[in-house]
Amino acid sequence: MIPIIKPDAEAKLSEFTGAEAYIHSEATSYVFVRNFKVRVTEAFVAGEGPYRVALRFDGHGWLRMEAITHYEMDEHGRLLLAGYDDSGRMNVALHLGKEPFPE
C-alpha cells in the first residue's frame, strides 16, 4: 500500500460509482462487514490527510470511514483503502471489489 494521493484515490474510487460492488469494512475490533453487496451511487474522498472516504448506496444510505491513510488497487481490480496509526497498526479498512471477497 502507498500513502493516499487524493486525486488518484478519487479516480480509482470513481470506477465503482454506478456499479454493484462488494464491500469489506472493518474498524479495529468494533466493526467487521464482509461481502456486503451494494450499488455505489456516489463516492468521495475528503480532508487533507488522514482522509475520510464516503460511499452512498442506491441513493439511500452512506458508509463513511475516517482516518484513511493508504490505498492500492490489487491484481484482482479491488480497491483496498486502510488507515494506519503512528505505530504502523491498521485501525480501519475499506475494500471494494466487483466480485465477492474470499471468506
N, C-alpha and C. Protein backbone atom coordinates (compact mmCIF):
# COMPACT_ATOMS: atom_id res chain seq x y z
N MET A 1 0.84 -1.18 0.00
CA MET A 1 0.00 0.00 0.00
C MET A 1 0.89 1.24 0.00
N ILE A 2 0.34 2.29 -0.58
CA ILE A 2 1.07 3.56 -0.62
C ILE A 2 0.23 4.64 0.05
N PRO A 3 0.88 5.70 0.53
CA PRO A 3 0.10 6.81 1.10
C PRO A 3 -0.87 7.38 0.07
N ILE A 4 -2.01 7.82 0.56
CA ILE A 4 -3.07 8.36 -0.30
C ILE A 4 -2.54 9.53 -1.13
N ILE A 5 -2.77 9.45 -2.42
CA ILE A 5 -2.63 10.58 -3.34
C ILE A 5 -4.08 10.88 -3.74
N LYS A 6 -4.62 11.93 -3.17
CA LYS A 6 -6.06 12.18 -3.23
C LYS A 6 -6.66 12.09 -4.63
N PRO A 7 -6.12 12.78 -5.66
CA PRO A 7 -6.75 12.69 -6.99
C PRO A 7 -6.73 11.26 -7.55
N ASP A 8 -5.67 10.53 -7.31
CA ASP A 8 -5.57 9.16 -7.81
C ASP A 8 -6.56 8.25 -7.07
N ALA A 9 -6.64 8.39 -5.75
CA ALA A 9 -7.58 7.58 -4.97
C ALA A 9 -9.02 7.89 -5.38
N GLU A 10 -9.33 9.16 -5.61
CA GLU A 10 -10.68 9.54 -6.07
C GLU A 10 -10.99 8.92 -7.42
N ALA A 11 -10.02 8.90 -8.33
CA ALA A 11 -10.24 8.31 -9.65
C ALA A 11 -10.49 6.81 -9.55
N LYS A 12 -9.73 6.13 -8.71
CA LYS A 12 -9.93 4.69 -8.54
C LYS A 12 -11.28 4.40 -7.88
N LEU A 13 -11.66 5.22 -6.91
CA LEU A 13 -12.95 5.07 -6.25
C LEU A 13 -14.10 5.30 -7.23
N SER A 14 -13.93 6.26 -8.13
CA SER A 14 -15.00 6.57 -9.09
C SER A 14 -15.26 5.41 -10.05
N GLU A 15 -14.30 4.49 -10.21
CA GLU A 15 -14.52 3.32 -11.06
C GLU A 15 -15.64 2.43 -10.54
N PHE A 16 -15.99 2.58 -9.27
CA PHE A 16 -17.05 1.77 -8.67
C PHE A 16 -18.40 2.50 -8.67
N THR A 17 -18.40 3.80 -8.99
CA THR A 17 -19.64 4.57 -9.00
C THR A 17 -20.53 4.11 -10.16
N GLY A 18 -21.80 3.89 -9.85
CA GLY A 18 -22.75 3.43 -10.85
C GLY A 18 -22.74 1.93 -11.05
N ALA A 19 -21.98 1.21 -10.24
CA ALA A 19 -21.87 -0.24 -10.39
C ALA A 19 -22.14 -0.94 -9.06
N GLU A 20 -22.45 -2.22 -9.17
CA GLU A 20 -22.57 -3.02 -7.96
C GLU A 20 -21.17 -3.35 -7.47
N ALA A 21 -21.00 -3.31 -6.16
CA ALA A 21 -19.69 -3.60 -5.57
C ALA A 21 -19.89 -4.39 -4.29
N TYR A 22 -18.89 -5.18 -3.99
CA TYR A 22 -18.85 -5.90 -2.71
C TYR A 22 -17.95 -5.10 -1.78
N ILE A 23 -18.39 -4.96 -0.54
CA ILE A 23 -17.68 -4.16 0.44
C ILE A 23 -17.12 -5.06 1.54
N HIS A 24 -15.88 -4.80 1.89
CA HIS A 24 -15.30 -5.35 3.12
C HIS A 24 -14.90 -4.13 3.92
N SER A 25 -15.33 -4.08 5.18
CA SER A 25 -15.04 -2.92 6.01
C SER A 25 -14.79 -3.38 7.43
N GLU A 26 -13.78 -2.78 8.06
CA GLU A 26 -13.56 -3.07 9.47
C GLU A 26 -12.91 -1.87 10.14
N ALA A 27 -13.18 -1.76 11.43
CA ALA A 27 -12.59 -0.71 12.25
C ALA A 27 -12.15 -1.35 13.55
N THR A 28 -10.85 -1.51 13.71
CA THR A 28 -10.23 -2.22 14.84
C THR A 28 -11.08 -3.44 15.19
N SER A 29 -11.48 -3.59 16.42
CA SER A 29 -12.28 -4.78 16.78
C SER A 29 -13.76 -4.45 16.93
N TYR A 30 -14.18 -3.27 16.47
CA TYR A 30 -15.56 -2.85 16.71
C TYR A 30 -16.52 -3.17 15.58
N VAL A 31 -16.06 -3.15 14.34
CA VAL A 31 -16.95 -3.36 13.21
C VAL A 31 -16.26 -4.27 12.20
N PHE A 32 -17.01 -5.24 11.68
CA PHE A 32 -16.49 -6.10 10.64
C PHE A 32 -17.64 -6.45 9.71
N VAL A 33 -17.52 -6.09 8.43
CA VAL A 33 -18.54 -6.39 7.43
C VAL A 33 -17.81 -6.98 6.22
N ARG A 34 -18.31 -8.09 5.70
CA ARG A 34 -17.66 -8.71 4.54
C ARG A 34 -18.72 -9.11 3.52
N ASN A 35 -18.44 -8.81 2.25
CA ASN A 35 -19.30 -9.17 1.13
C ASN A 35 -20.70 -8.58 1.23
N PHE A 36 -20.74 -7.33 1.63
CA PHE A 36 -21.95 -6.54 1.66
C PHE A 36 -22.10 -5.97 0.25
N LYS A 37 -23.10 -6.43 -0.50
CA LYS A 37 -23.25 -6.04 -1.91
C LYS A 37 -24.17 -4.84 -2.03
N VAL A 38 -23.68 -3.80 -2.71
CA VAL A 38 -24.44 -2.56 -2.88
C VAL A 38 -24.21 -2.01 -4.28
N ARG A 39 -25.07 -1.09 -4.68
CA ARG A 39 -24.83 -0.29 -5.88
C ARG A 39 -24.32 1.06 -5.38
N VAL A 40 -23.09 1.39 -5.74
CA VAL A 40 -22.47 2.64 -5.31
C VAL A 40 -22.97 3.75 -6.24
N THR A 41 -23.63 4.76 -5.66
CA THR A 41 -24.15 5.87 -6.47
C THR A 41 -23.30 7.12 -6.36
N GLU A 42 -22.56 7.27 -5.27
CA GLU A 42 -21.64 8.40 -5.09
C GLU A 42 -20.47 7.93 -4.26
N ALA A 43 -19.31 8.55 -4.47
CA ALA A 43 -18.11 8.22 -3.69
C ALA A 43 -17.27 9.47 -3.54
N PHE A 44 -16.76 9.69 -2.34
CA PHE A 44 -15.99 10.90 -2.05
C PHE A 44 -14.75 10.58 -1.23
N VAL A 45 -13.71 11.35 -1.45
CA VAL A 45 -12.54 11.39 -0.58
C VAL A 45 -12.45 12.83 -0.09
N ALA A 46 -12.43 13.02 1.22
CA ALA A 46 -12.42 14.36 1.78
C ALA A 46 -11.30 14.50 2.80
N GLY A 47 -10.89 15.74 3.02
CA GLY A 47 -9.87 16.03 4.01
C GLY A 47 -8.51 16.26 3.38
N GLU A 48 -7.56 16.54 4.24
CA GLU A 48 -6.18 16.80 3.81
C GLU A 48 -5.23 15.72 4.29
N GLY A 49 -5.73 14.69 4.92
CA GLY A 49 -4.94 13.58 5.41
C GLY A 49 -4.75 13.65 6.91
N PRO A 50 -5.08 12.57 7.61
CA PRO A 50 -5.79 11.40 7.12
C PRO A 50 -7.13 11.79 6.49
N TYR A 51 -7.62 10.93 5.62
CA TYR A 51 -8.78 11.24 4.79
C TYR A 51 -10.04 10.55 5.28
N ARG A 52 -11.17 11.09 4.84
CA ARG A 52 -12.47 10.46 5.03
C ARG A 52 -12.92 9.96 3.66
N VAL A 53 -13.44 8.75 3.63
CA VAL A 53 -13.97 8.18 2.39
C VAL A 53 -15.44 7.85 2.65
N ALA A 54 -16.31 8.32 1.78
CA ALA A 54 -17.75 8.09 1.94
C ALA A 54 -18.31 7.47 0.67
N LEU A 55 -19.18 6.49 0.85
CA LEU A 55 -19.88 5.83 -0.25
C LEU A 55 -21.37 5.95 -0.02
N ARG A 56 -22.10 6.32 -1.05
CA ARG A 56 -23.57 6.33 -0.98
C ARG A 56 -24.07 5.12 -1.73
N PHE A 57 -25.03 4.41 -1.13
CA PHE A 57 -25.56 3.17 -1.69
C PHE A 57 -26.96 3.38 -2.21
N ASP A 58 -27.19 3.02 -3.45
CA ASP A 58 -28.54 3.03 -4.03
C ASP A 58 -29.29 4.32 -3.74
N GLY A 59 -28.58 5.39 -3.46
CA GLY A 59 -29.22 6.66 -3.15
C GLY A 59 -29.92 6.69 -1.81
N HIS A 60 -29.70 5.67 -0.95
CA HIS A 60 -30.44 5.58 0.31
C HIS A 60 -29.58 5.64 1.56
N GLY A 61 -28.38 5.15 1.53
CA GLY A 61 -27.58 5.09 2.75
C GLY A 61 -26.13 5.44 2.47
N TRP A 62 -25.39 5.64 3.54
CA TRP A 62 -23.99 6.03 3.45
C TRP A 62 -23.12 5.11 4.30
N LEU A 63 -21.90 4.93 3.87
CA LEU A 63 -20.85 4.34 4.69
C LEU A 63 -19.71 5.34 4.65
N ARG A 64 -19.25 5.77 5.82
CA ARG A 64 -18.13 6.71 5.87
C ARG A 64 -17.06 6.13 6.77
N MET A 65 -15.85 6.10 6.27
CA MET A 65 -14.70 5.63 7.03
C MET A 65 -13.77 6.83 7.22
N GLU A 66 -13.25 6.97 8.42
CA GLU A 66 -12.35 8.08 8.73
C GLU A 66 -10.95 7.55 8.97
N ALA A 67 -9.99 8.45 8.89
CA ALA A 67 -8.58 8.16 9.19
C ALA A 67 -7.95 7.22 8.17
N ILE A 68 -8.37 7.32 6.90
CA ILE A 68 -7.78 6.52 5.82
C ILE A 68 -6.46 7.18 5.42
N THR A 69 -5.40 6.38 5.34
CA THR A 69 -4.07 6.92 5.04
C THR A 69 -3.40 6.29 3.82
N HIS A 70 -3.80 5.06 3.45
CA HIS A 70 -3.11 4.32 2.38
C HIS A 70 -4.12 3.64 1.46
N TYR A 71 -3.64 3.27 0.26
CA TYR A 71 -4.50 2.58 -0.69
C TYR A 71 -3.68 1.82 -1.71
N GLU A 72 -4.36 0.93 -2.43
CA GLU A 72 -3.79 0.26 -3.60
C GLU A 72 -4.91 -0.41 -4.37
N MET A 73 -4.69 -0.62 -5.64
CA MET A 73 -5.58 -1.43 -6.47
C MET A 73 -4.84 -2.75 -6.64
N ASP A 74 -5.45 -3.85 -6.20
CA ASP A 74 -4.73 -5.13 -6.26
C ASP A 74 -4.87 -5.78 -7.64
N GLU A 75 -4.26 -6.94 -7.79
CA GLU A 75 -4.23 -7.63 -9.09
C GLU A 75 -5.60 -8.15 -9.51
N HIS A 76 -6.59 -8.13 -8.61
CA HIS A 76 -7.95 -8.58 -8.93
C HIS A 76 -8.89 -7.40 -9.18
N GLY A 77 -8.34 -6.18 -9.26
CA GLY A 77 -9.16 -5.00 -9.51
C GLY A 77 -9.91 -4.51 -8.29
N ARG A 78 -9.49 -4.94 -7.11
CA ARG A 78 -10.13 -4.50 -5.87
C ARG A 78 -9.40 -3.27 -5.34
N LEU A 79 -10.16 -2.28 -4.90
CA LEU A 79 -9.58 -1.09 -4.29
C LEU A 79 -9.49 -1.33 -2.79
N LEU A 80 -8.28 -1.28 -2.27
CA LEU A 80 -8.03 -1.52 -0.86
C LEU A 80 -7.60 -0.20 -0.23
N LEU A 81 -8.38 0.27 0.73
CA LEU A 81 -8.06 1.50 1.46
C LEU A 81 -7.89 1.12 2.92
N ALA A 82 -6.94 1.75 3.59
CA ALA A 82 -6.71 1.44 5.01
C ALA A 82 -6.18 2.67 5.72
N GLY A 83 -6.36 2.66 7.03
CA GLY A 83 -5.83 3.72 7.87
C GLY A 83 -4.90 3.14 8.90
N TYR A 84 -3.69 3.67 8.98
CA TYR A 84 -2.67 3.19 9.91
C TYR A 84 -2.36 4.28 10.93
N ASP A 85 -2.08 3.86 12.17
CA ASP A 85 -1.70 4.83 13.19
C ASP A 85 -0.20 5.11 13.11
N ASP A 86 0.30 5.93 14.02
CA ASP A 86 1.71 6.32 14.01
C ASP A 86 2.66 5.15 14.26
N SER A 87 2.14 4.06 14.83
CA SER A 87 2.96 2.88 15.09
C SER A 87 2.87 1.85 13.96
N GLY A 88 2.14 2.19 12.89
CA GLY A 88 2.02 1.29 11.75
C GLY A 88 0.95 0.24 11.90
N ARG A 89 0.09 0.36 12.91
CA ARG A 89 -1.01 -0.59 13.10
C ARG A 89 -2.23 -0.13 12.31
N MET A 90 -2.89 -1.09 11.64
CA MET A 90 -4.09 -0.75 10.89
C MET A 90 -5.25 -0.54 11.85
N ASN A 91 -5.94 0.59 11.71
CA ASN A 91 -7.11 0.90 12.52
C ASN A 91 -8.41 0.72 11.76
N VAL A 92 -8.40 1.02 10.47
CA VAL A 92 -9.61 0.92 9.65
C VAL A 92 -9.25 0.35 8.29
N ALA A 93 -10.24 -0.31 7.67
CA ALA A 93 -10.05 -0.81 6.31
C ALA A 93 -11.37 -0.68 5.57
N LEU A 94 -11.27 -0.34 4.30
CA LEU A 94 -12.42 -0.29 3.41
C LEU A 94 -11.95 -0.84 2.07
N HIS A 95 -12.52 -1.97 1.67
CA HIS A 95 -12.14 -2.62 0.42
C HIS A 95 -13.37 -2.72 -0.46
N LEU A 96 -13.21 -2.45 -1.76
CA LEU A 96 -14.29 -2.56 -2.73
C LEU A 96 -13.85 -3.49 -3.85
N GLY A 97 -14.75 -4.37 -4.26
CA GLY A 97 -14.46 -5.29 -5.35
C GLY A 97 -15.69 -5.57 -6.18
N LYS A 98 -15.48 -5.99 -7.42
CA LYS A 98 -16.60 -6.34 -8.31
C LYS A 98 -17.08 -7.77 -8.07
N GLU A 99 -16.25 -8.56 -7.40
CA GLU A 99 -16.58 -9.95 -7.06
C GLU A 99 -16.51 -10.09 -5.54
N PRO A 100 -17.19 -11.10 -4.97
CA PRO A 100 -17.12 -11.30 -3.51
C PRO A 100 -15.68 -11.53 -3.05
N PHE A 101 -15.39 -11.08 -1.84
CA PHE A 101 -14.09 -11.33 -1.22
C PHE A 101 -14.07 -12.76 -0.69
N PRO A 102 -12.90 -13.40 -0.68
CA PRO A 102 -12.82 -14.76 -0.14
C PRO A 102 -13.29 -14.79 1.32
N GLU A 103 -13.97 -15.84 1.67
CA GLU A 103 -14.45 -16.00 3.06
C GLU A 103 -13.33 -16.45 3.96
